PDB file of N, CA and C in Angstrom:
ATOM      1  N   PHE A   1     -44.633-111.005 -57.931  1.00  0.00           N
ATOM      2  CA  PHE A   1     -44.784-112.224 -58.674  1.00  0.00           C
ATOM      3  C   PHE A   1     -43.414-112.681 -59.145  1.00  0.00           C
ATOM      4  N   LEU A   2     -43.121-113.962 -58.936  1.00  0.00           N
ATOM      5  CA  LEU A   2     -41.876-114.552 -59.427  1.00  0.00           C
ATOM      6  C   LEU A   2     -42.231-115.589 -60.489  1.00  0.00           C
ATOM      7  N   TYR A   3     -41.559-115.550 -61.615  1.00  0.00           N
ATOM      8  CA  TYR A   3     -41.753-116.550 -62.658  1.00  0.00           C
ATOM      9  C   TYR A   3     -40.407-116.819 -63.304  1.00  0.00           C
ATOM     10  N   SER A   4     -40.165-118.112 -63.625  1.00  0.00           N
ATOM     11  CA  SER A   4     -38.865-118.476 -64.178  1.00  0.00           C
ATOM     12  C   SER A   4     -38.936-119.798 -64.925  1.00  0.00           C
ATOM     13  N   ALA A   5     -37.924-120.042 -65.729  1.00  0.00           N
ATOM     14  CA  ALA A   5     -37.687-121.336 -66.370  1.00  0.00           C
ATOM     15  C   ALA A   5     -36.401-121.872 -65.759  1.00  0.00           C
ATOM     16  N   GLU A   6     -36.452-123.109 -65.301  1.00  0.00           N
ATOM     17  CA  GLU A   6     -35.319-123.663 -64.575  1.00  0.00           C
ATOM     18  C   GLU A   6     -34.972-125.059 -65.058  1.00  0.00           C
ATOM     19  N   VAL A   7     -33.731-125.461 -64.797  1.00  0.00           N
ATOM     20  CA  VAL A   7     -33.257-126.805 -65.087  1.00  0.00           C
ATOM     21  C   VAL A   7     -32.629-127.347 -63.813  1.00  0.00           C
ATOM     22  N   ASP A   8     -33.012-128.569 -63.455  1.00  0.00           N
ATOM     23  CA  ASP A   8     -32.419-129.261 -62.310  1.00  0.00           C
ATOM     24  C   ASP A   8     -31.612-130.447 -62.818  1.00  0.00           C
ATOM     25  N   TYR A   9     -30.478-130.695 -62.186  1.00  0.00           N
ATOM     26  CA  TYR A   9     -29.684-131.883 -62.481  1.00  0.00           C
ATOM     27  C   TYR A   9     -29.585-132.709 -61.208  1.00  0.00           C
ATOM     28  N   THR A  10     -30.071-133.943 -61.273  1.00  0.00           N
ATOM     29  CA  THR A  10     -29.990-134.863 -60.146  1.00  0.00           C
ATOM     30  C   THR A  10     -28.791-135.774 -60.355  1.00  0.00           C
ATOM     31  N   PHE A  11     -27.878-135.773 -59.398  1.00  0.00           N
ATOM     32  CA  PHE A  11     -26.671-136.579 -59.503  1.00  0.00           C
ATOM     33  C   PHE A  11     -27.008-138.062 -59.311  1.00  0.00           C
ATOM     34  N   PRO A  12     -26.499-138.930 -60.185  1.00  0.00           N
ATOM     35  CA  PRO A  12     -26.779-140.359 -60.050  1.00  0.00           C
ATOM     36  C   PRO A  12     -26.189-140.924 -58.764  1.00  0.00           C
ATOM     37  N   SER A  13     -26.888-141.908 -58.225  1.00  0.00           N
ATOM     38  CA  SER A  13     -26.423-142.541 -57.000  1.00  0.00           C
ATOM     39  C   SER A  13     -27.001-143.959 -56.934  1.00  0.00           C
ATOM     40  N   PRO A  14     -26.232-144.925 -56.443  1.00  0.00           N
ATOM     41  CA  PRO A  14     -26.780-146.279 -56.297  1.00  0.00           C
ATOM     42  C   PRO A  14     -27.722-146.383 -55.097  1.00  0.00           C
ATOM     43  N   ASN A  15     -27.779-145.362 -54.285  1.00  0.00           N
ATOM     44  CA  ASN A  15     -28.618-145.344 -53.095  1.00  0.00           C
ATOM     45  C   ASN A  15     -29.950-144.660 -53.370  1.00  0.00           C
ATOM     46  N   ARG A  16     -30.797-144.612 -52.378  1.00  0.00           N
ATOM     47  CA  ARG A  16     -32.084-143.927 -52.499  1.00  0.00           C
ATOM     48  C   ARG A  16     -31.941-142.417 -52.399  1.00  0.00           C
ATOM     49  N   LEU A  17     -30.856-141.920 -51.816  1.00  0.00           N
ATOM     50  CA  LEU A  17     -30.639-140.488 -51.605  1.00  0.00           C
ATOM     51  C   LEU A  17     -29.845-139.901 -52.770  1.00  0.00           C
ATOM     52  N   HIS A  18     -30.388-138.855 -53.401  1.00  0.00           N
ATOM     53  CA  HIS A  18     -29.733-138.196 -54.540  1.00  0.00           C
ATOM     54  C   HIS A  18     -29.640-136.702 -54.248  1.00  0.00           C
ATOM     55  N   PHE A  19     -28.529-136.092 -54.609  1.00  0.00           N
ATOM     56  CA  PHE A  19     -28.364-134.647 -54.499  1.00  0.00           C
ATOM     57  C   PHE A  19     -28.697-134.013 -55.841  1.00  0.00           C
ATOM     58  N   PHE A  20     -29.182-132.767 -55.813  1.00  0.00           N
ATOM     59  CA  PHE A  20     -29.461-132.075 -57.071  1.00  0.00           C
ATOM     60  C   PHE A  20     -29.094-130.603 -56.966  1.00  0.00           C
ATOM     61  N   LEU A  21     -28.817-130.006 -58.136  1.00  0.00           N
ATOM     62  CA  LEU A  21     -28.562-128.576 -58.269  1.00  0.00           C
ATOM     63  C   LEU A  21     -29.489-128.050 -59.358  1.00  0.00           C
ATOM     64  N   GLY A  22     -29.876-126.791 -59.241  1.00  0.00           N
ATOM     65  CA  GLY A  22     -30.751-126.204 -60.244  1.00  0.00           C
ATOM     66  C   GLY A  22     -30.470-124.730 -60.432  1.00  0.00           C
ATOM     67  N   GLY A  23     -30.890-124.229 -61.573  1.00  0.00           N
ATOM     68  CA  GLY A  23     -30.730-122.813 -61.860  1.00  0.00           C
ATOM     69  C   GLY A  23     -31.588-122.432 -63.047  1.00  0.00           C
ATOM     70  N   GLY A  24     -31.781-121.138 -63.223  1.00  0.00           N
ATOM     71  CA  GLY A  24     -32.592-120.676 -64.342  1.00  0.00           C
ATOM     72  C   GLY A  24     -32.576-119.168 -64.473  1.00  0.00           C
ATOM     73  N   VAL A  25     -33.529-118.668 -65.243  1.00  0.00           N
ATOM     74  CA  VAL A  25     -33.701-117.232 -65.441  1.00  0.00           C
ATOM     75  C   VAL A  25     -35.197-116.930 -65.421  1.00  0.00           C
ATOM     76  N   GLY A  26     -35.525-115.695 -65.114  1.00  0.00           N
ATOM     77  CA  GLY A  26     -36.924-115.308 -65.077  1.00  0.00           C
ATOM     78  C   GLY A  26     -37.090-113.846 -64.740  1.00  0.00           C
ATOM     79  N   GLY A  27     -38.219-113.541 -64.151  1.00  0.00           N
ATOM     80  CA  GLY A  27     -38.537-112.169 -63.803  1.00  0.00           C
ATOM     81  C   GLY A  27     -39.231-112.075 -62.460  1.00  0.00           C
ATOM     82  N   ALA A  28     -39.141-110.913 -61.864  1.00  0.00           N
ATOM     83  CA  ALA A  28     -39.818-110.603 -60.598  1.00  0.00           C
ATOM     84  C   ALA A  28     -40.568-109.299 -60.806  1.00  0.00           C
ATOM     85  N   THR A  29     -41.887-109.357 -60.706  1.00  0.00           N
ATOM     86  CA  THR A  29     -42.721-108.174 -60.926  1.00  0.00           C
ATOM     87  C   THR A  29     -43.304-107.712 -59.605  1.00  0.00           C
ATOM     88  N   VAL A  30     -43.152-106.431 -59.327  1.00  0.00           N
ATOM     89  CA  VAL A  30     -43.727-105.798 -58.140  1.00  0.00           C
ATOM     90  C   VAL A  30     -44.821-104.864 -58.619  1.00  0.00           C
ATOM     91  N   ARG A  31     -46.008-104.997 -58.019  1.00  0.00           N
ATOM     92  CA  ARG A  31     -47.125-104.142 -58.392  1.00  0.00           C
ATOM     93  C   ARG A  31     -47.844-103.702 -57.124  1.00  0.00           C
ATOM     94  N   LEU A  32     -48.110-102.403 -57.027  1.00  0.00           N
ATOM     95  CA  LEU A  32     -48.844-101.873 -55.889  1.00  0.00           C
ATOM     96  C   LEU A  32     -50.334-101.867 -56.204  1.00  0.00           C
ATOM     97  N   ASP A  33     -51.131-102.483 -55.334  1.00  0.00           N
ATOM     98  CA  ASP A  33     -52.573-102.530 -55.548  1.00  0.00           C
ATOM     99  C   ASP A  33     -53.266-101.226 -55.181  1.00  0.00           C
ATOM    100  N   ASP A  34     -52.642-100.421 -54.328  1.00  0.00           N
ATOM    101  CA  ASP A  34     -53.311 -99.200 -53.882  1.00  0.00           C
ATOM    102  C   ASP A  34     -52.834 -97.955 -54.639  1.00  0.00           C
ATOM    103  N   ALA A  35     -52.282 -98.129 -55.842  1.00  0.00           N
ATOM    104  CA  ALA A  35     -51.852 -96.978 -56.648  1.00  0.00           C
ATOM    105  C   ALA A  35     -53.082 -96.234 -57.161  1.00  0.00           C
ATOM    106  N   PRO A  36     -53.000 -94.911 -57.309  1.00  0.00           N
ATOM    107  CA  PRO A  36     -54.136 -94.140 -57.813  1.00  0.00           C
ATOM    108  C   PRO A  36     -54.549 -94.599 -59.212  1.00  0.00           C
ATOM    109  N   SER A  37     -55.801 -94.415 -59.542  1.00  0.00           N
ATOM    110  CA  SER A  37     -56.332 -94.821 -60.838  1.00  0.00           C
ATOM    111  C   SER A  37     -55.561 -94.143 -61.976  1.00  0.00           C
ATOM    112  N   GLY A  38     -55.194 -94.937 -62.985  1.00  0.00           N
ATOM    113  CA  GLY A  38     -54.449 -94.419 -64.128  1.00  0.00           C
ATOM    114  C   GLY A  38     -52.953 -94.334 -63.904  1.00  0.00           C
ATOM    115  N   PHE A  39     -52.474 -94.718 -62.725  1.00  0.00           N
ATOM    116  CA  PHE A  39     -51.056 -94.651 -62.409  1.00  0.00           C
ATOM    117  C   PHE A  39     -50.501 -96.073 -62.389  1.00  0.00           C
ATOM    118  N   ASP A  40     -49.593 -96.389 -63.288  1.00  0.00           N
ATOM    119  CA  ASP A  40     -48.997 -97.716 -63.348  1.00  0.00           C
ATOM    120  C   ASP A  40     -47.744 -97.733 -62.485  1.00  0.00           C
ATOM    121  N   ASP A  41     -47.815 -98.442 -61.365  1.00  0.00           N
ATOM    122  CA  ASP A  41     -46.679 -98.514 -60.454  1.00  0.00           C
ATOM    123  C   ASP A  41     -46.172 -99.955 -60.372  1.00  0.00           C
ATOM    124  N   SER A  42     -45.984-100.592 -61.542  1.00  0.00           N
ATOM    125  CA  SER A  42     -45.431-101.938 -61.555  1.00  0.00           C
ATOM    126  C   SER A  42     -44.025-101.893 -62.143  1.00  0.00           C
ATOM    127  N   GLU A  43     -43.220-102.837 -61.707  1.00  0.00           N
ATOM    128  CA  GLU A  43     -41.823-102.888 -62.138  1.00  0.00           C
ATOM    129  C   GLU A  43     -41.407-104.352 -62.250  1.00  0.00           C
ATOM    130  N   THR A  44     -40.760-104.731 -63.348  1.00  0.00           N
ATOM    131  CA  THR A  44     -40.278-106.095 -63.534  1.00  0.00           C
ATOM    132  C   THR A  44     -38.755-106.077 -63.613  1.00  0.00           C
ATOM    133  N   ASP A  45     -38.135-106.934 -62.807  1.00  0.00           N
ATOM    134  CA  ASP A  45     -36.685-107.018 -62.747  1.00  0.00           C
ATOM    135  C   ASP A  45     -36.231-108.430 -63.115  1.00  0.00           C
ATOM    136  N   PHE A  46     -34.951-108.560 -63.433  1.00  0.00           N
ATOM    137  CA  PHE A  46     -34.336-109.823 -63.827  1.00  0.00           C
ATOM    138  C   PHE A  46     -34.179-110.729 -62.610  1.00  0.00           C
ATOM    139  N   LEU A  47     -34.534-112.015 -62.751  1.00  0.00           N
ATOM    140  CA  LEU A  47     -34.481-112.990 -61.663  1.00  0.00           C
ATOM    141  C   LEU A  47     -33.570-114.147 -62.048  1.00  0.00           C
ATOM    142  N   VAL A  48     -32.682-114.555 -61.117  1.00  0.00           N
ATOM    143  CA  VAL A  48     -31.830-115.735 -61.298  1.00  0.00           C
ATOM    144  C   VAL A  48     -32.058-116.648 -60.093  1.00  0.00           C
ATOM    145  N   PRO A  49     -32.844-117.720 -60.262  1.00  0.00           N
ATOM    146  CA  PRO A  49     -33.037-118.666 -59.159  1.00  0.00           C
ATOM    147  C   PRO A  49     -31.940-119.732 -59.158  1.00  0.00           C
ATOM    148  N   LEU A  50     -31.358-119.993 -57.992  1.00  0.00           N
ATOM    149  CA  LEU A  50     -30.357-121.044 -57.814  1.00  0.00           C
ATOM    150  C   LEU A  50     -30.841-121.958 -56.695  1.00  0.00           C
ATOM    151  N   ALA A  51     -30.709-123.282 -56.887  1.00  0.00           N
ATOM    152  CA  ALA A  51     -31.229-124.221 -55.902  1.00  0.00           C
ATOM    153  C   ALA A  51     -30.257-125.368 -55.680  1.00  0.00           C
ATOM    154  N   ALA A  52     -30.331-125.956 -54.492  1.00  0.00           N
ATOM    155  CA  ALA A  52     -29.590-127.166 -54.149  1.00  0.00           C
ATOM    156  C   ALA A  52     -30.440-127.938 -53.160  1.00  0.00           C
ATOM    157  N   GLY A  53     -30.381-129.266 -53.257  1.00  0.00           N
ATOM    158  CA  GLY A  53     -31.190-130.043 -52.331  1.00  0.00           C
ATOM    159  C   GLY A  53     -30.957-131.521 -52.451  1.00  0.00           C
ATOM    160  N   ILE A  54     -31.880-132.262 -51.823  1.00  0.00           N
ATOM    161  CA  ILE A  54     -31.816-133.716 -51.828  1.00  0.00           C
ATOM    162  C   ILE A  54     -33.173-134.280 -52.226  1.00  0.00           C
ATOM    163  N   LYS A  55     -33.115-135.459 -52.840  1.00  0.00           N
ATOM    164  CA  LYS A  55     -34.317-136.232 -53.134  1.00  0.00           C
ATOM    165  C   LYS A  55     -34.118-137.609 -52.516  1.00  0.00           C
ATOM    166  N   LEU A  56     -35.092-138.070 -51.752  1.00  0.00           N
ATOM    167  CA  LEU A  56     -35.055-139.399 -51.145  1.00  0.00           C
ATOM    168  C   LEU A  56     -36.146-140.220 -51.822  1.00  0.00           C
ATOM    169  N   PHE A  57     -35.736-141.186 -52.651  1.00  0.00           N
ATOM    170  CA  PHE A  57     -36.673-142.002 -53.408  1.00  0.00           C
ATOM    171  C   PHE A  57     -37.150-143.194 -52.575  1.00  0.00           C
ATOM    172  N   SER A  58     -38.329-143.724 -52.916  1.00  0.00           N
ATOM    173  CA  SER A  58     -38.905-144.857 -52.190  1.00  0.00           C
ATOM    174  C   SER A  58     -38.075-146.120 -52.366  1.00  0.00           C
ATOM    175  N   ARG A  59     -37.502-146.299 -53.560  1.00  0.00           N
ATOM    176  CA  ARG A  59     -36.663-147.465 -53.848  1.00  0.00           C
ATOM    177  C   ARG A  59     -35.551-147.024 -54.789  1.00  0.00           C
ATOM    178  N   THR A  60     -34.541-147.879 -54.960  1.00  0.00           N
ATOM    179  CA  THR A  60     -33.456-147.542 -55.890  1.00  0.00           C
ATOM    180  C   THR A  60     -33.864-147.804 -57.341  1.00  0.00           C
ATOM    181  N   VAL A  61     -34.791-148.728 -57.581  1.00  0.00           N
ATOM    182  CA  VAL A  61     -35.277-149.048 -58.927  1.00  0.00           C
ATOM    183  C   VAL A  61     -36.802-148.929 -58.925  1.00  0.00           C
ATOM    184  N   ARG A  62     -37.373-148.437 -60.031  1.00  0.00           N
ATOM    185  CA  ARG A  62     -38.822-148.264 -60.179  1.00  0.00           C
ATOM    186  C   ARG A  62     -39.427-147.500 -58.994  1.00  0.00           C
ATOM    187  N   GLN A  63     -39.009-146.274 -58.871  1.00  0.00           N
ATOM    188  CA  GLN A  63     -39.491-145.443 -57.772  1.00  0.00           C
ATOM    189  C   GLN A  63     -40.981-145.144 -57.944  1.00  0.00           C
ATOM    190  N   SER A  64     -41.718-145.122 -56.834  1.00  0.00           N
ATOM    191  CA  SER A  64     -43.133-144.760 -56.881  1.00  0.00           C
ATOM    192  C   SER A  64     -43.381-143.404 -56.220  1.00  0.00           C
ATOM    193  N   TRP A  65     -42.495-142.972 -55.337  1.00  0.00           N
ATOM    194  CA  TRP A  65     -42.617-141.658 -54.716  1.00  0.00           C
ATOM    195  C   TRP A  65     -41.229-141.186 -54.287  1.00  0.00           C
ATOM    196  N   ALA A  66     -41.137-139.894 -53.978  1.00  0.00           N
ATOM    197  CA  ALA A  66     -39.880-139.310 -53.490  1.00  0.00           C
ATOM    198  C   ALA A  66     -40.194-138.124 -52.596  1.00  0.00           C
ATOM    199  N   PHE A  67     -39.330-137.879 -51.644  1.00  0.00           N
ATOM    200  CA  PHE A  67     -39.389-136.691 -50.797  1.00  0.00           C
ATOM    201  C   PHE A  67     -38.291-135.754 -51.275  1.00  0.00           C
ATOM    202  N   ARG A  68     -38.595-134.461 -51.321  1.00  0.00           N
ATOM    203  CA  ARG A  68     -37.645-133.467 -51.829  1.00  0.00           C
ATOM    204  C   ARG A  68     -37.515-132.348 -50.793  1.00  0.00           C
ATOM    205  N   ALA A  69     -36.271-131.962 -50.508  1.00  0.00           N
ATOM    206  CA  ALA A  69     -35.998-130.811 -49.642  1.00  0.00           C
ATOM    207  C   ALA A  69     -34.960-129.948 -50.351  1.00  0.00           C
ATOM    208  N   GLU A  70     -35.175-128.636 -50.352  1.00  0.00           N
ATOM    209  CA  GLU A  70     -34.243-127.763 -51.058  1.00  0.00           C
ATOM    210  C   GLU A  70     -34.119-126.409 -50.391  1.00  0.00           C
ATOM    211  N   VAL A  71     -32.983-125.775 -50.691  1.00  0.00           N
ATOM    212  CA  VAL A  71     -32.753-124.381 -50.335  1.00  0.00           C
ATOM    213  C   VAL A  71     -32.562-123.643 -51.650  1.00  0.00           C
ATOM    214  N   ARG A  72     -33.177-122.488 -51.748  1.00  0.00           N
ATOM    215  CA  ARG A  72     -33.174-121.730 -53.003  1.00  0.00           C
ATOM    216  C   ARG A  72     -32.848-120.272 -52.703  1.00  0.00           C
ATOM    217  N   ASP A  73     -32.068-119.672 -53.599  1.00  0.00           N
ATOM    218  CA  ASP A  73     -31.784-118.243 -53.532  1.00  0.00           C
ATOM    219  C   ASP A  73     -32.350-117.607 -54.800  1.00  0.00           C
ATOM    220  N   ASN A  74     -33.407-116.833 -54.654  1.00  0.00           N
ATOM    221  CA  ASN A  74     -33.974-116.090 -55.776  1.00  0.00           C
ATOM    222  C   ASN A  74     -33.289-114.732 -55.813  1.00  0.00           C
ATOM    223  N   ILE A  75     -32.319-114.595 -56.719  1.00  0.00           N
ATOM    224  CA  ILE A  75     -31.546-113.358 -56.827  1.00  0.00           C
ATOM    225  C   ILE A  75     -32.257-112.426 -57.805  1.00  0.00           C
ATOM    226  N   VAL A  76     -32.683-111.280 -57.306  1.00  0.00           N
ATOM    227  CA  VAL A  76     -33.385-110.291 -58.133  1.00  0.00           C
ATOM    228  C   VAL A  76     -32.421-109.141 -58.388  1.00  0.00           C
ATOM    229  N   TRP A  77     -32.172-108.854 -59.681  1.00  0.00           N
ATOM    230  CA  TRP A  77     -31.295-107.757 -60.082  1.00  0.00           C
ATOM    231  C   TRP A  77     -32.160-106.538 -60.372  1.00  0.00           C
ATOM    232  N   ARG A  78     -32.088-105.544 -59.510  1.00  0.00           N
ATOM    233  CA  ARG A  78     -32.870-104.322 -59.667  1.00  0.00           C
ATOM    234  C   ARG A  78     -31.973-103.179 -60.100  1.00  0.00           C
ATOM    235  N   ASP A  79     -32.498-102.354 -60.999  1.00  0.00           N
ATOM    236  CA  ASP A  79     -31.789-101.132 -61.387  1.00  0.00           C
ATOM    237  C   ASP A  79     -32.214-100.019 -60.453  1.00  0.00           C
ATOM    238  N   ARG A  80     -31.282 -99.487 -59.718  1.00  0.00           N
ATOM    239  CA  ARG A  80     -31.552 -98.401 -58.771  1.00  0.00           C
ATOM    240  C   ARG A  80     -30.889 -97.126 -59.264  1.00  0.00           C
ATOM    241  N   PHE A  81     -31.587 -96.031 -59.126  1.00  0.00           N
ATOM    242  CA  PHE A  81     -31.049 -94.750 -59.546  1.00  0.00           C
ATOM    243  C   PHE A  81     -30.005 -94.290 -58.535  1.00  0.00           C
ATOM    244  N   ALA A  82     -28.820 -93.922 -59.026  1.00  0.00           N
ATOM    245  CA  ALA A  82     -27.729 -93.425 -58.183  1.00  0.00           C
ATOM    246  C   ALA A  82     -27.606 -91.922 -58.418  1.00  0.00           C
ATOM    247  N   PRO A  83     -28.176 -91.098 -57.517  1.00  0.00           N
ATOM    248  CA  PRO A  83     -28.165 -89.651 -57.746  1.00  0.00           C
ATOM    249  C   PRO A  83     -26.766 -89.048 -57.833  1.00  0.00           C
ATOM    250  N   GLU A  84     -25.801 -89.615 -57.083  1.00  0.00           N
ATOM    251  CA  GLU A  84     -24.446 -89.045 -57.101  1.00  0.00           C
ATOM    252  C   GLU A  84     -23.760 -89.284 -58.445  1.00  0.00           C
ATOM    253  N   GLU A  85     -24.160 -90.330 -59.167  1.00  0.00           N
ATOM    254  CA  GLU A  85     -23.564 -90.623 -60.465  1.00  0.00           C
ATOM    255  C   GLU A  85     -24.478 -90.205 -61.622  1.00  0.00           C
ATOM    256  N   GLY A  86     -25.739 -89.974 -61.325  1.00  0.00           N
ATOM    257  CA  GLY A  86     -26.687 -89.569 -62.347  1.00  0.00           C
ATOM    258  C   GLY A  86     -27.122 -90.687 -63.283  1.00  0.00           C
ATOM    259  N   ASP A  87     -26.918 -91.940 -62.874  1.00  0.00           N
ATOM    260  CA  ASP A  87     -27.363 -93.054 -63.714  1.00  0.00           C
ATOM    261  C   ASP A  87     -27.935 -94.168 -62.843  1.00  0.00           C
ATOM    262  N   ARG A  88     -28.279 -95.279 -63.473  1.00  0.00           N
ATOM    263  CA  ARG A  88     -28.862 -96.419 -62.762  1.00  0.00           C
ATOM    264  C   ARG A  88     -27.814 -97.509 -62.601  1.00  0.00           C
ATOM    265  N   ASP A  89     -27.725 -98.081 -61.416  1.00  0.00           N
ATOM    266  CA  ASP A  89     -26.789 -99.157 -61.122  1.00  0.00           C
ATOM    267  C   ASP A  89     -27.561-100.415 -60.739  1.00  0.00           C
ATOM    268  N   PRO A  90     -27.118-101.589 -61.232  1.00  0.00           N
ATOM    269  CA  PRO A  90     -27.783-102.834 -60.831  1.00  0.00           C
ATOM    270  C   PRO A  90     -27.432-103.194 -59.389  1.00  0.00           C
ATOM    271  N   GLU A  91     -28.413-103.712 -58.685  1.00  0.00           N
ATOM    272  CA  GLU A  91     -28.240-104.102 -57.286  1.00  0.00           C
ATOM    273  C   GLU A  91     -28.893-105.464 -57.088  1.00  0.00           C
ATOM    274  N   ALA A  92     -28.152-106.416 -56.524  1.00  0.00           N
ATOM    275  CA  ALA A  92     -28.684-107.763 -56.303  1.00  0.00           C
ATOM    276  C   ALA A  92     -29.347-107.851 -54.939  1.00  0.00           C
ATOM    277  N   THR A  93     -30.548-108.427 -54.928  1.00  0.00           N
ATOM    278  CA  THR A  93     -31.274-108.700 -53.694  1.00  0.00           C
ATOM    279  C   THR A  93     -31.428-110.210 -53.582  1.00  0.00           C
ATOM    280  N   HIS A  94     -30.993-110.781 -52.463  1.00  0.00           N
ATOM    281  CA  HIS A  94     -31.074-112.227 -52.255  1.00  0.00           C
ATOM    282  C   HIS A  94     -32.301-112.554 -51.423  1.00  0.00           C
ATOM    283  N   ASN A  95     -33.108-113.489 -51.920  1.00  0.00           N
ATOM    284  CA  ASN A  95     -34.320-113.937 -51.242  1.00  0.00           C
ATOM    285  C   ASN A  95     -34.210-115.448 -51.040  1.00  0.00           C
ATOM    286  N   ILE A  96     -33.862-115.855 -49.826  1.00  0.00           N
ATOM    287  CA  ILE A  96     -33.626-117.264 -49.520  1.00  0.00           C
ATOM    288  C   ILE A  96     -34.941-117.921 -49.120  1.00  0.00           C
ATOM    289  N   GLU A  97     -35.164-119.132 -49.641  1.00  0.00           N
ATOM    290  CA  GLU A  97     -36.347-119.891 -49.237  1.00  0.00           C
ATOM    291  C   GLU A  97     -35.972-121.352 -49.029  1.00  0.00           C
ATOM    292  N   LEU A  98     -36.634-121.985 -48.087  1.00  0.00           N
ATOM    293  CA  LEU A  98     -36.500-123.408 -47.812  1.00  0.00           C
ATOM    294  C   LEU A  98     -37.827-124.050 -48.165  1.00  0.00           C
ATOM    295  N   SER A  99     -37.777-125.179 -48.856  1.00  0.00           N
ATOM    296  CA  SER A  99     -39.033-125.841 -49.209  1.00  0.00           C
ATOM    297  C   SER A  99     -38.838-127.339 -49.247  1.00  0.00           C
ATOM    298  N   GLY A 100     -39.941-128.040 -49.222  1.00  0.00           N
ATOM    299  CA  GLY A 100     -39.933-129.490 -49.303  1.00  0.00           C
ATOM    300  C   GLY A 100     -41.239-129.961 -49.891  1.00  0.00           C
ATOM    301  N   GLY A 101     -41.251-131.201 -50.318  1.00  0.00           N
ATOM    302  CA  GLY A 101     -42.474-131.736 -50.881  1.00  0.00           C
ATOM    303  C   GLY A 101     -42.342-133.198 -51.237  1.00  0.00           C
ATOM    304  N   PHE A 102     -43.441-133.748 -51.727  1.00  0.00           N
ATOM    305  CA  PHE A 102     -43.499-135.140 -52.161  1.00  0.00           C
ATOM    306  C   PHE A 102     -43.790-135.187 -53.648  1.00  0.00           C
ATOM    307  N   SER A 103     -43.215-136.176 -54.308  1.00  0.00           N
ATOM    308  CA  SER A 103     -43.498-136.449 -55.719  1.00  0.00           C
ATOM    309  C   SER A 103     -44.034-137.870 -55.825  1.00  0.00           C
ATOM    310  N   PHE A 104     -45.063-138.048 -56.640  1.00  0.00           N
ATOM    311  CA  PHE A 104     -45.609-139.356 -56.925  1.00  0.00           C
ATOM    312  C   PHE A 104     -45.430-139.637 -58.405  1.00  0.00           C
ATOM    313  N   PHE A 105     -44.934-140.825 -58.743  1.00  0.00           N
ATOM    314  CA  PHE A 105     -44.632-141.181 -60.125  1.00  0.00           C
ATOM    315  C   PHE A 105     -45.663-142.167 -60.642  1.00  0.00           C
ATOM    316  N   PHE A 106     -46.194-141.905 -61.841  1.00  0.00           N
ATOM    317  CA  PHE A 106     -47.198-142.758 -62.459  1.00  0.00           C
ATOM    318  C   PHE A 106     -46.626-143.393 -63.715  1.00  0.00           C
ATOM    319  N   GLY A 107     -47.120-144.541 -64.077  1.00  0.00           N
ATOM    320  CA  GLY A 107     -46.695-145.194 -65.302  1.00  0.00           C
ATOM    321  C   GLY A 107     -45.767-146.364 -65.034  1.00  0.00           C
ATOM    322  N   PRO A 108     -45.327-147.017 -66.131  1.00  0.00           N
ATOM    323  CA  PRO A 108     -44.457-148.200 -65.964  1.00  0.00           C
ATOM    324  C   PRO A 108     -43.061-147.850 -65.513  1.00  0.00           C
TER     325      PRO A 108
END
């Protein structure tokens, strides 16, 4: 499970095409469904999502819809046990995703 709070900034443009960047913080929880009864095998790690993409609006003024395409890197920081050092070291795992979608705007 991935969950996060994020902020996106859309760069102003006189055209219909706008670029945006985003980032946030959250968590990534891994849980095994086939663990024996009474055995908790879930783990939650620190998540840093970073995103970049484009938004193509229907018009330059009073937009009614937009198309969005983005690339995102969900960086999960896991603590791994290092037997040679006898302690836990953080390790970053990069999970790249591509996504797109439509937005519809309501109101004046």
